[in-house]
Amino acid sequence: MSEAVETPVSTSRPKSKSSAAKSSAPRFEMPIPTAFREMAEKGVLQAKQTYEKMKSAAEEATDMLEGTYTTATKGVSDYGLKLIEAARENTNSAFDFATRLMAVKSLSEAVELSVAHTRRQYETVTAQTKELAAMAQKVAADTAEPVRESLGKVFKVAR
């Protein structure tokens, strides 16, 4: 076993002005073995290293979240604008249909106009729905992929 070098440590309390004058208690010195000191130093070093790793992981996670929020915000904004555009288009189509319907001369002409309008609206709404679904999938993918990659890196660093 290695030879222990002992360092004296005072166990008495620091004396204040009033207690220094009153107390003349003897001071006891307690040696700290080298092995304990080395263990404490290793513990402190390990704690510092772990802290640095966790700090780095937290900073990366923060950066990843900022990027994710930016991507998600832009995607949701674009999606909302597309919804407004679709609503405007559908509203204009309904007003056009109502205007044409007011000008019909017979019931058969009204039915024909109604059937044609319904077919166009069905096709339009189907196309709009497909476009909105594709946008939603793209936003979800653009938002989720960086999160997945970053979390993988963060957890790898934290180990």
Protein backbone atom coordinates (compact mmCIF):
# COMPACT_ATOMS: atom_id res chain seq x y z
CA MET A 1 0.00 0.00 0.00
CA SER A 2 1.22 3.52 -0.65
CA GLU A 3 2.50 5.68 2.10
CA ALA A 4 -0.07 8.17 3.36
CA VAL A 5 0.98 11.76 3.63
CA GLU A 6 -1.04 13.45 6.26
CA THR A 7 -2.19 17.03 6.09
CA PRO A 8 -3.27 18.58 9.37
CA VAL A 9 -6.75 20.06 9.39
CA SER A 10 -8.07 22.15 12.19
CA THR A 11 -11.43 21.06 13.59
CA SER A 12 -11.87 24.06 15.82
CA ARG A 13 -14.19 26.83 14.74
CA PRO A 14 -12.85 30.20 13.67
CA LYS A 15 -12.86 32.45 16.63
CA SER A 16 -14.79 35.66 16.63
CA LYS A 17 -13.54 38.59 18.65
CA SER A 18 -15.77 37.76 21.58
CA SER A 19 -15.16 34.00 21.57
CA ALA A 20 -11.39 34.37 21.07
CA ALA A 21 -11.10 36.24 24.32
CA LYS A 22 -13.36 33.85 26.24
CA SER A 23 -12.16 30.50 24.96
CA SER A 24 -8.77 29.06 25.39
CA ALA A 25 -9.86 25.57 24.28
CA PRO A 26 -7.12 23.46 22.76
CA ARG A 27 -7.08 23.03 18.96
CA PHE A 28 -7.07 19.47 17.65
CA GLU A 29 -5.43 18.72 14.36
CA MET A 30 -6.86 15.83 12.28
CA PRO A 31 -4.75 14.47 9.45
CA ILE A 32 -6.39 13.74 6.06
CA PRO A 33 -4.88 10.71 4.34
CA THR A 34 -3.61 11.19 0.80
CA ALA A 35 -5.97 8.54 -0.55
CA PHE A 36 -9.01 10.48 0.69
CA ARG A 37 -7.69 13.71 -0.76
CA GLU A 38 -7.04 12.05 -4.14
CA MET A 39 -10.53 10.54 -4.12
CA ALA A 40 -12.04 13.95 -3.38
CA GLU A 41 -10.02 15.57 -6.17
CA LYS A 42 -11.12 12.87 -8.63
CA GLY A 43 -14.72 13.36 -7.54
CA VAL A 44 -14.51 17.10 -8.09
CA LEU A 45 -12.87 16.59 -11.50
CA GLN A 46 -15.55 14.09 -12.50
CA ALA A 47 -18.30 16.46 -11.35
CA LYS A 48 -16.77 19.29 -13.42
CA GLN A 49 -16.56 17.06 -16.50
CA THR A 50 -20.14 15.88 -16.07
CA TYR A 51 -21.29 19.47 -15.60
CA GLU A 52 -19.55 20.53 -18.82
CA LYS A 53 -21.13 17.66 -20.75
CA MET A 54 -24.58 18.48 -19.41
CA LYS A 55 -24.10 22.19 -20.08
CA SER A 56 -23.09 21.44 -23.66
CA ALA A 57 -26.05 19.08 -24.09
CA ALA A 58 -28.45 21.68 -22.71
CA GLU A 59 -27.09 24.36 -25.05
CA GLU A 60 -27.48 22.04 -28.04
CA ALA A 61 -31.02 21.17 -26.96
CA THR A 62 -31.86 24.87 -26.65
CA ASP A 63 -30.48 25.59 -30.12
CA MET A 64 -32.41 22.63 -31.53
CA LEU A 65 -35.65 23.82 -29.93
CA GLU A 66 -35.19 27.35 -31.27
CA GLY A 67 -34.68 25.97 -34.77
CA THR A 68 -37.64 23.65 -34.40
CA TYR A 69 -39.94 26.43 -33.22
CA THR A 70 -38.83 28.60 -36.13
CA THR A 71 -39.50 25.82 -38.63
CA ALA A 72 -42.83 24.93 -37.07
CA THR A 73 -43.95 28.57 -36.90
CA LYS A 74 -43.14 29.16 -40.56
CA GLY A 75 -44.85 25.92 -41.58
CA VAL A 76 -47.99 26.68 -39.58
CA SER A 77 -48.05 30.20 -40.98
CA ASP A 78 -47.77 28.92 -44.57
CA TYR A 79 -50.50 26.36 -43.84
CA GLY A 80 -52.78 29.06 -42.44
CA LEU A 81 -52.21 31.25 -45.49
CA LYS A 82 -53.07 28.32 -47.75
CA LEU A 83 -56.29 27.75 -45.77
CA ILE A 84 -57.22 31.41 -46.19
CA GLU A 85 -56.50 31.20 -49.91
CA ALA A 86 -58.69 28.09 -50.25
CA ALA A 87 -61.50 29.75 -48.30
CA ARG A 88 -61.29 32.84 -50.51
CA GLU A 89 -61.37 30.71 -53.64
CA ASN A 90 -64.37 28.70 -52.40
CA THR A 91 -66.23 31.84 -51.31
CA ASN A 92 -65.68 33.48 -54.71
CA SER A 93 -66.92 30.33 -56.40
CA ALA A 94 -70.06 30.29 -54.25
CA PHE A 95 -70.80 33.94 -55.03
CA ASP A 96 -70.23 33.32 -58.75
CA PHE A 97 -72.62 30.37 -58.57
CA ALA A 98 -75.25 32.42 -56.75
CA THR A 99 -74.93 35.22 -59.32
CA ARG A 100 -75.37 32.79 -62.23
CA LEU A 101 -78.23 31.05 -60.47
CA MET A 102 -80.13 34.34 -60.22
CA ALA A 103 -79.96 34.71 -64.00
CA VAL A 104 -81.35 31.27 -64.97
CA LYS A 105 -84.57 31.15 -67.00
CA SER A 106 -85.71 27.60 -66.27
CA LEU A 107 -85.56 24.84 -63.68
CA SER A 108 -83.54 22.56 -65.97
CA GLU A 109 -80.96 25.31 -66.47
CA ALA A 110 -80.75 25.74 -62.67
CA VAL A 111 -80.22 21.99 -62.15
CA GLU A 112 -77.58 21.90 -64.88
CA LEU A 113 -75.77 24.87 -63.37
CA SER A 114 -75.99 23.34 -59.90
CA VAL A 115 -74.60 19.98 -61.04
CA ALA A 116 -71.70 21.66 -62.88
CA HIS A 117 -70.90 23.85 -59.87
CA THR A 118 -71.03 20.89 -57.48
CA ARG A 119 -68.67 18.86 -59.71
CA ARG A 120 -66.17 21.75 -59.94
CA GLN A 121 -66.34 22.34 -56.19
CA TYR A 122 -65.81 18.65 -55.46
CA GLU A 123 -62.71 18.63 -57.67
CA THR A 124 -61.46 21.89 -56.18
CA VAL A 125 -61.97 20.79 -52.58
CA THR A 126 -60.31 17.43 -53.31
CA ALA A 127 -57.26 19.19 -54.78
CA GLN A 128 -57.16 21.67 -51.88
CA THR A 129 -57.37 18.84 -49.34
CA LYS A 130 -54.52 16.96 -51.00
CA GLU A 131 -52.39 20.10 -51.09
CA LEU A 132 -53.11 20.91 -47.43
CA ALA A 133 -52.36 17.32 -46.38
CA ALA A 134 -49.05 17.42 -48.26
CA MET A 135 -48.18 20.73 -46.58
CA ALA A 136 -49.04 19.34 -43.15
CA GLN A 137 -46.87 16.27 -43.75
CA LYS A 138 -43.99 18.44 -44.93
CA VAL A 139 -44.24 20.69 -41.88
CA ALA A 140 -44.36 17.68 -39.58
CA ALA A 141 -41.36 16.08 -41.28
CA ASP A 142 -39.38 19.33 -41.40
CA THR A 143 -40.07 19.85 -37.70
CA ALA A 144 -39.62 16.28 -36.44
CA GLU A 145 -36.46 15.29 -38.31
CA PRO A 146 -34.15 17.91 -36.78
CA VAL A 147 -35.59 17.11 -33.35
CA ARG A 148 -34.87 13.42 -33.79
CA GLU A 149 -31.33 14.05 -35.02
CA SER A 150 -30.55 16.61 -32.32
CA LEU A 151 -31.94 14.50 -29.51
CA GLY A 152 -29.79 11.62 -30.69
CA LYS A 153 -26.73 13.86 -30.53
CA VAL A 154 -27.69 15.34 -27.16
CA PHE A 155 -28.19 11.97 -25.54
CA LYS A 156 -24.97 10.69 -27.08
CA VAL A 157 -23.04 13.65 -25.60
CA ALA A 158 -24.70 13.25 -22.21
CA ARG A 159 -23.49 9.67 -21.83
